[in-house]
C-alpha atoms as a PDB file:
ATOM      1  CA  MET A   1      46.380 -47.541  16.882  1.00  0.00           C
ATOM      2  CA  ASN A   2      47.776 -45.264  14.161  1.00  0.00           C
ATOM      3  CA  PRO A   3      49.017 -47.516  11.266  1.00  0.00           C
ATOM      4  CA  ILE A   4      52.150 -45.469  11.099  1.00  0.00           C
ATOM      5  CA  VAL A   5      53.021 -46.020  14.726  1.00  0.00           C
ATOM      6  CA  ARG A   6      52.144 -49.797  14.290  1.00  0.00           C
ATOM      7  CA  MET A   7      54.618 -49.926  11.351  1.00  0.00           C
ATOM      8  CA  MET A   8      57.341 -48.257  13.442  1.00  0.00           C
ATOM      9  CA  LYS A   9      56.947 -50.786  16.183  1.00  0.00           C
ATOM     10  CA  ARG A  10      57.031 -53.712  13.818  1.00  0.00           C
ATOM     11  CA  TYR A  11      60.443 -52.548  12.375  1.00  0.00           C
ATOM     12  CA  ILE A  12      62.024 -51.052  15.488  1.00  0.00           C
ATOM     13  CA  LYS A  13      64.405 -54.042  15.922  1.00  0.00           C
ATOM     14  CA  MET A  14      65.630 -54.000  12.370  1.00  0.00           C
ATOM     15  CA  PRO A  15      69.165 -52.937  11.530  1.00  0.00           C
ATOM     16  CA  LEU A  16      69.681 -49.210  11.671  1.00  0.00           C
ATOM     17  CA  LYS A  17      70.500 -48.983   8.058  1.00  0.00           C
ATOM     18  CA  TYR A  18      67.022 -50.294   7.196  1.00  0.00           C
ATOM     19  CA  ALA A  19      65.120 -48.665  10.020  1.00  0.00           C
ATOM     20  CA  LEU A  20      66.231 -45.084   9.313  1.00  0.00           C
ATOM     21  CA  PRO A  21      64.742 -44.927   5.777  1.00  0.00           C
ATOM     22  CA  LEU A  22      61.574 -46.355   6.989  1.00  0.00           C
ATOM     23  CA  LEU A  23      61.385 -44.022   9.948  1.00  0.00           C
ATOM     24  CA  PHE A  24      62.039 -41.135   7.486  1.00  0.00           C
ATOM     25  CA  ILE A  25      59.316 -42.223   5.152  1.00  0.00           C
ATOM     26  CA  GLY A  26      56.939 -42.746   7.992  1.00  0.00           C
ATOM     27  CA  ALA A  27      57.522 -39.198   9.277  1.00  0.00           C
ATOM     28  CA  LEU A  28      56.782 -37.862   5.803  1.00  0.00           C
ATOM     29  CA  VAL A  29      53.593 -39.830   5.427  1.00  0.00           C
ATOM     30  CA  LEU A  30      52.486 -38.771   8.949  1.00  0.00           C
ATOM     31  CA  ALA A  31      53.124 -35.065   8.290  1.00  0.00           C
ATOM     32  CA  SER A  32      51.203 -35.164   4.888  1.00  0.00           C
ATOM     33  CA  THR A  33      48.273 -37.163   6.539  1.00  0.00           C
ATOM     34  CA  THR A  34      48.051 -34.599   9.334  1.00  0.00           C
ATOM     35  CA  GLY A  35      47.977 -31.760   6.869  1.00  0.00           C
ATOM     36  CA  CYS A  36      45.188 -33.200   4.908  1.00  0.00           C
ATOM     37  CA  VAL A  37      43.143 -33.908   7.928  1.00  0.00           C
ATOM     38  CA  SER A  38      43.425 -30.407   9.259  1.00  0.00           C
ATOM     39  CA  SER A  39      42.653 -28.880   5.837  1.00  0.00           C
ATOM     40  CA  THR A  40      39.197 -30.450   5.817  1.00  0.00           C
ATOM     41  CA  ASN A  41      38.166 -28.800   9.113  1.00  0.00           C
ATOM     42  CA  PRO A  42      37.236 -25.114   8.460  1.00  0.00           C
ATOM     43  CA  SER A  43      38.545 -22.634  10.921  1.00  0.00           C
ATOM     44  CA  PRO A  44      36.042 -21.248  13.530  1.00  0.00           C
ATOM     45  CA  SER A  45      36.432 -17.820  11.885  1.00  0.00           C
ATOM     46  CA  ALA A  46      35.042 -19.078   8.720  1.00  0.00           C
ATOM     47  CA  SER A  47      31.666 -19.851  10.164  1.00  0.00           C
ATOM     48  CA  ILE A  48      31.245 -16.312  11.542  1.00  0.00           C
ATOM     49  CA  MET A  49      32.306 -14.290   8.442  1.00  0.00           C
ATOM     50  CA  PRO A  50      29.965 -11.311   8.029  1.00  0.00           C
ATOM     51  CA  THR A  51      27.217 -11.603   5.332  1.00  0.00           C
ATOM     52  CA  THR A  52      26.875  -8.804   2.873  1.00  0.00           C
ATOM     53  CA  ILE A  53      23.167  -7.714   2.720  1.00  0.00           C
ATOM     54  CA  MET A  54      22.150  -6.148  -0.504  1.00  0.00           C
ATOM     55  CA  PRO A  55      19.917  -3.108  -0.349  1.00  0.00           C
ATOM     56  CA  THR A  56      16.293  -3.698  -1.285  1.00  0.00           C
ATOM     57  CA  THR A  57      13.943  -1.407  -3.302  1.00  0.00           C
ATOM     58  CA  THR A  58      10.880  -0.246  -1.313  1.00  0.00           C
ATOM     59  CA  VAL A  59       7.833  -0.806  -3.334  1.00  0.00           C
ATOM     60  CA  THR A  60       4.540   1.015  -2.519  1.00  0.00           C
ATOM     61  CA  VAL A  61       1.450  -1.138  -2.857  1.00  0.00           C
ATOM     62  CA  THR A  62      -1.905   0.377  -3.057  1.00  0.00           C
ATOM     63  CA  SER A  63      -4.014  -1.725  -0.685  1.00  0.00           C
ATOM     64  CA  PRO A  64      -7.723  -1.505   0.601  1.00  0.00           C
ATOM     65  CA  GLY A  65      -8.369   0.347   3.720  1.00  0.00           C
ATOM     66  CA  SER A  66     -10.232  -0.896   6.873  1.00  0.00           C
ATOM     67  CA  VAL A  67     -12.245   2.214   7.915  1.00  0.00           C
ATOM     68  CA  SER A  68     -15.337   1.220   9.777  1.00  0.00           C
ATOM     69  CA  THR A  69     -18.701   1.664   8.102  1.00  0.00           C
ATOM     70  CA  ASP A  70     -20.672   1.495  11.267  1.00  0.00           C
ATOM     71  CA  TYR A  71     -22.950   4.373  12.107  1.00  0.00           C
ATOM     72  CA  PRO A  72     -21.394   6.260  15.048  1.00  0.00           C
ATOM     73  CA  ALA A  73     -22.919   6.078  18.475  1.00  0.00           C
ATOM     74  CA  SER A  74     -20.976   9.236  19.369  1.00  0.00           C
ATOM     75  CA  GLY A  75     -18.309  11.458  17.638  1.00  0.00           C
ATOM     76  CA  ARG A  76     -17.829  12.012  13.939  1.00  0.00           C
ATOM     77  CA  SER A  77     -18.368   9.230  11.428  1.00  0.00           C
ATOM     78  CA  LYS A  78     -15.117   7.496  10.443  1.00  0.00           C
ATOM     79  CA  LEU A  79     -16.567   6.781   7.070  1.00  0.00           C
ATOM     80  CA  VAL A  80     -17.358  10.367   6.404  1.00  0.00           C
ATOM     81  CA  GLU A  81     -13.904  11.500   7.618  1.00  0.00           C
ATOM     82  CA  ALA A  82     -12.216   8.906   5.221  1.00  0.00           C
ATOM     83  CA  ALA A  83     -14.352  10.083   2.345  1.00  0.00           C
ATOM     84  CA  VAL A  84     -13.344  13.796   3.037  1.00  0.00           C
ATOM     85  CA  GLU A  85      -9.641  12.728   3.044  1.00  0.00           C
ATOM     86  CA  TYR A  86     -10.121  10.856  -0.231  1.00  0.00           C
ATOM     87  CA  ARG A  87     -11.439  13.948  -1.786  1.00  0.00           C
ATOM     88  CA  ARG A  88      -8.612  16.086  -0.334  1.00  0.00           C
ATOM     89  CA  ASP A  89      -5.979  13.574  -1.884  1.00  0.00           C
ATOM     90  CA  ASP A  90      -7.817  13.834  -5.252  1.00  0.00           C
ATOM     91  CA  PHE A  91      -7.854  17.596  -4.986  1.00  0.00           C
ATOM     92  CA  ASN A  92      -4.045  17.701  -4.414  1.00  0.00           C
ATOM     93  CA  THR A  93      -3.433  15.444  -7.374  1.00  0.00           C
ATOM     94  CA  LYS A  94      -4.250  17.527 -10.434  1.00  0.00           C
ATOM     95  CA  HIS A  95      -3.139  17.874 -14.084  1.00  0.00           C
ATOM     96  CA  LEU A  96      -0.336  20.119 -15.093  1.00  0.00           C
ATOM     97  CA  ASP A  97      -2.845  22.752 -16.420  1.00  0.00           C
ATOM     98  CA  THR A  98      -4.833  22.822 -13.227  1.00  0.00           C
ATOM     99  CA  LYS A  99      -3.884  24.910 -10.084  1.00  0.00           C
ATOM    100  CA  SER A 100      -5.286  24.030  -6.775  1.00  0.00           C
ATOM    101  CA  GLU A 101      -6.817  27.000  -4.938  1.00  0.00           C
ATOM    102  CA  SER A 102      -8.576  26.063  -1.807  1.00  0.00           C
ATOM    103  CA  PHE A 103     -10.079  23.023  -0.173  1.00  0.00           C
ATOM    104  CA  ASP A 104     -12.518  23.876   2.743  1.00  0.00           C
ATOM    105  CA  VAL A 105     -14.364  21.449   4.925  1.00  0.00           C
ATOM    106  CA  ASN A 106     -17.435  22.343   6.990  1.00  0.00           C
ATOM    107  CA  TRP A 107     -18.995  19.732   9.441  1.00  0.00           C
ATOM    108  CA  ILE A 108     -22.653  20.112   9.505  1.00  0.00           C
ATOM    109  CA  SER A 109     -23.077  17.344  11.965  1.00  0.00           C
ATOM    110  CA  ASN A 110     -21.154  14.271  13.187  1.00  0.00           C
ATOM    111  CA  THR A 111     -22.497  12.384  10.194  1.00  0.00           C
ATOM    112  CA  THR A 112     -22.538  15.063   7.505  1.00  0.00           C
ATOM    113  CA  ALA A 113     -19.625  17.149   6.109  1.00  0.00           C
ATOM    114  CA  GLN A 114     -19.547  19.714   3.281  1.00  0.00           C
ATOM    115  CA  ILE A 115     -16.513  20.236   1.026  1.00  0.00           C
ATOM    116  CA  HIS A 116     -15.865  23.352  -1.128  1.00  0.00           C
ATOM    117  CA  GLU A 117     -13.148  23.043  -3.775  1.00  0.00           C
ATOM    118  CA  VAL A 118     -11.728  25.715  -5.981  1.00  0.00           C
ATOM    119  CA  THR A 119      -9.288  25.004  -8.848  1.00  0.00           C
ATOM    120  CA  LYS A 120      -8.040  27.062 -11.883  1.00  0.00           C
ATOM    121  CA  ASN A 121      -7.496  25.879 -15.314  1.00  0.00           C
ATOM    122  CA  THR A 122      -4.563  27.652 -16.766  1.00  0.00           C
ATOM    123  CA  GLU A 123      -5.361  26.682 -20.354  1.00  0.00           C
ATOM    124  CA  GLU A 124      -9.022  27.470 -20.479  1.00  0.00           C
ATOM    125  CA  TYR A 125      -8.869  30.322 -18.053  1.00  0.00           C
ATOM    126  CA  THR A 126     -11.715  29.223 -15.993  1.00  0.00           C
ATOM    127  CA  THR A 127     -12.292  28.634 -12.198  1.00  0.00           C
ATOM    128  CA  HIS A 128     -13.746  25.257 -11.355  1.00  0.00           C
ATOM    129  CA  LEU A 129     -16.075  25.263  -8.287  1.00  0.00           C
ATOM    130  CA  GLU A 130     -17.098  22.001  -6.736  1.00  0.00           C
ATOM    131  CA  ASP A 131     -19.258  21.437  -3.677  1.00  0.00           C
ATOM    132  CA  PHE A 132     -19.697  17.974  -2.051  1.00  0.00           C
ATOM    133  CA  THR A 133     -21.933  16.933   0.736  1.00  0.00           C
ATOM    134  CA  ILE A 134     -21.179  13.551   2.252  1.00  0.00           C
ATOM    135  CA  THR A 135     -23.754  11.976   4.635  1.00  0.00           C
ATOM    136  CA  HIS A 136     -23.635   8.806   6.604  1.00  0.00           C
ATOM    137  CA  PHE A 137     -26.983   7.317   7.153  1.00  0.00           C
ATOM    138  CA  PRO A 138     -27.909   4.833   9.933  1.00  0.00           C
ATOM    139  CA  SER A 139     -28.740   2.187   7.370  1.00  0.00           C
ATOM    140  CA  THR A 140     -28.462   1.369   3.708  1.00  0.00           C
ATOM    141  CA  ALA A 141     -32.393   1.496   3.495  1.00  0.00           C
ATOM    142  CA  GLU A 142     -32.432   5.068   4.790  1.00  0.00           C
ATOM    143  CA  ALA A 143     -29.667   6.087   2.362  1.00  0.00           C
ATOM    144  CA  THR A 144     -31.644   4.486  -0.493  1.00  0.00           C
ATOM    145  CA  THR A 145     -34.803   6.493   0.452  1.00  0.00           C
ATOM    146  CA  TYR A 146     -32.971   9.671   0.524  1.00  0.00           C
ATOM    147  CA  LEU A 147     -31.393   9.019  -2.855  1.00  0.00           C
ATOM    148  CA  THR A 148     -34.894   8.148  -4.377  1.00  0.00           C
ATOM    149  CA  ASN A 149     -36.385  11.467  -2.948  1.00  0.00           C
ATOM    150  CA  ASN A 150     -33.528  13.605  -4.224  1.00  0.00           C
ATOM    151  CA  ALA A 151     -32.419  12.031  -7.337  1.00  0.00           C
ATOM    152  CA  ALA A 152     -34.518  14.377  -9.558  1.00  0.00           C
ATOM    153  CA  LYS A 153     -32.352  17.437  -8.444  1.00  0.00           C
ATOM    154  CA  TYR A 154     -29.425  15.708 -10.218  1.00  0.00           C
ATOM    155  CA  GLY A 155     -30.765  14.045 -13.122  1.00  0.00           C
ATOM    156  CA  THR A 156     -32.557  10.864 -14.142  1.00  0.00           C
ATOM    157  CA  SER A 157     -29.718   9.004 -15.867  1.00  0.00           C
ATOM    158  CA  ILE A 158     -28.274   6.208 -13.795  1.00  0.00           C
ATOM    159  CA  GLN A 159     -24.530   6.013 -14.374  1.00  0.00           C
ATOM    160  CA  SER A 160     -23.295   2.741 -12.493  1.00  0.00           C
ATOM    161  CA  SER A 161     -20.147   2.631 -14.583  1.00  0.00           C
ATOM    162  CA  PHE A 162     -19.315   6.249 -14.168  1.00  0.00           C
ATOM    163  CA  ASP A 163     -16.126   7.213 -12.329  1.00  0.00           C
ATOM    164  CA  PRO A 164     -17.168   7.356  -8.724  1.00  0.00           C
ATOM    165  CA  VAL A 165     -16.548  10.413  -6.544  1.00  0.00           C
ATOM    166  CA  ILE A 166     -14.858   8.273  -3.981  1.00  0.00           C
ATOM    167  CA  ASP A 167     -13.254   4.884  -3.972  1.00  0.00           C
ATOM    168  CA  TYR A 168     -15.328   2.996  -1.333  1.00  0.00           C
ATOM    169  CA  TYR A 169     -13.118  -0.119  -1.630  1.00  0.00           C
ATOM    170  CA  LYS A 170     -10.053   1.688  -1.073  1.00  0.00           C
ATOM    171  CA  ILE A 171     -11.496   3.397   1.989  1.00  0.00           C
ATOM    172  CA  THR A 172     -13.196   0.456   3.532  1.00  0.00           C
ATOM    173  CA  GLY A 173     -11.768  -2.638   1.999  1.00  0.00           C
ATOM    174  CA  LYS A 174     -15.323  -3.635   0.939  1.00  0.00           C
ATOM    175  CA  THR A 175     -17.306  -3.527  -2.194  1.00  0.00           C
ATOM    176  CA  PRO A 176     -20.653  -1.787  -1.679  1.00  0.00           C
ATOM    177  CA  THR A 177     -23.580  -3.962  -1.947  1.00  0.00           C
ATOM    178  CA  VAL A 178     -25.549  -0.857  -3.165  1.00  0.00           C
ATOM    179  CA  TYR A 179     -23.968   1.545  -5.539  1.00  0.00           C
ATOM    180  CA  THR A 180     -26.015   3.810  -7.632  1.00  0.00           C
ATOM    181  CA  MET A 181     -25.321   7.314  -9.238  1.00  0.00           C
ATOM    182  CA  TYR A 182     -27.842   9.770 -10.702  1.00  0.00           C
ATOM    183  CA  THR A 183     -26.773  12.560 -13.057  1.00  0.00           C
ATOM    184  CA  LYS A 184     -27.954  14.431 -16.029  1.00  0.00           C
ATOM    185  CA  ASP A 185     -25.697  12.651 -18.485  1.00  0.00           C
ATOM    186  CA  TYR A 186     -22.478  10.926 -18.788  1.00  0.00           C
ATOM    187  CA  PHE A 187     -20.371  14.122 -19.002  1.00  0.00           C
ATOM    188  CA  SER A 188     -22.171  15.976 -16.084  1.00  0.00           C
ATOM    189  CA  LEU A 189     -20.085  16.566 -12.999  1.00  0.00           C
ATOM    190  CA  THR A 190     -23.220  17.211 -11.022  1.00  0.00           C
ATOM    191  CA  SER A 191     -24.464  14.023  -9.374  1.00  0.00           C
ATOM    192  CA  ILE A 192     -25.728  12.117  -6.349  1.00  0.00           C
ATOM    193  CA  SER A 193     -24.155   8.677  -5.397  1.00  0.00           C
ATOM    194  CA  GLN A 194     -25.018   6.008  -2.987  1.00  0.00           C
ATOM    195  CA  PHE A 195     -22.346   3.629  -1.502  1.00  0.00           C
ATOM    196  CA  ASP A 196     -24.437   1.368   0.913  1.00  0.00           C
ATOM    197  CA  SER A 197     -25.304   3.793   3.797  1.00  0.00           C
ATOM    198  CA  LEU A 198     -23.133   6.683   2.439  1.00  0.00           C
ATOM    199  CA  ILE A 199     -24.572   9.363   0.145  1.00  0.00           C
ATOM    200  CA  VAL A 200     -22.271  11.781  -1.714  1.00  0.00           C
ATOM    201  CA  GLU A 201     -23.820  14.824  -3.454  1.00  0.00           C
ATOM    202  CA  ARG A 202     -21.723  16.831  -5.931  1.00  0.00           C
ATOM    203  CA  ASN A 203     -22.441  20.285  -7.565  1.00  0.00           C
ATOM    204  CA  SER A 204     -19.890  21.555 -10.098  1.00  0.00           C
ATOM    205  CA  THR A 205     -19.647  24.713 -12.143  1.00  0.00           C
ATOM    206  CA  TYR A 206     -17.202  26.336 -14.602  1.00  0.00           C
ATOM    207  CA  THR A 207     -18.947  29.693 -14.806  1.00  0.00           C
ATOM    208  CA  VAL A 208     -16.311  32.040 -13.171  1.00  0.00           C
ATOM    209  CA  LEU A 209     -13.825  33.299 -15.658  1.00  0.00           C
ATOM    210  CA  LEU A 210     -10.191  34.282 -14.615  1.00  0.00           C
ATOM    211  CA  SER A 211      -9.226  37.845 -15.181  1.00  0.00           C
ATOM    212  CA  GLY A 212      -6.310  38.588 -17.369  1.00  0.00           C
END
């Protein structure tokens, strides 16, 4: 039983002049107590107030790809296709003094593609021609045999730390178990490279001069 009600019943038989003040005080206490209790209970609307969501910044993270390295049973090699697109992205990302002219792809077979790149250097007034032949072999051993038989055409210097013509890890998400590059010297842009079962041959010249 509410203590206020209990007190009121206790003094209900008291003389009116004593009972009225007590009733008045009791009413005040009851009102104040009720107010305190109601203030501790949040209104239903407080729990469903909308939350302000701050805008987030989109961050582009470079992550490894997942292109298959399997030799194709039919259709074009996914590995060669990805290597071609890597070269296309590199071709489209040039220095300020370089103007991209053309990027042509010719598929010799489902496992071999040739690329012809033409860029112009606006400072040195030269045209840069680059030809790539990208071949996917059935196995790493067969690719190694091809590399050994053709390395002399490109040079005898092995440049394992040289900037590769493609980023094999970015394409496949794997680090090649075999990576070798043969070139004439460290500064030469003519080379042959092996990335496991993938061979990339590169021929580069700066011999064509711009007119005017």
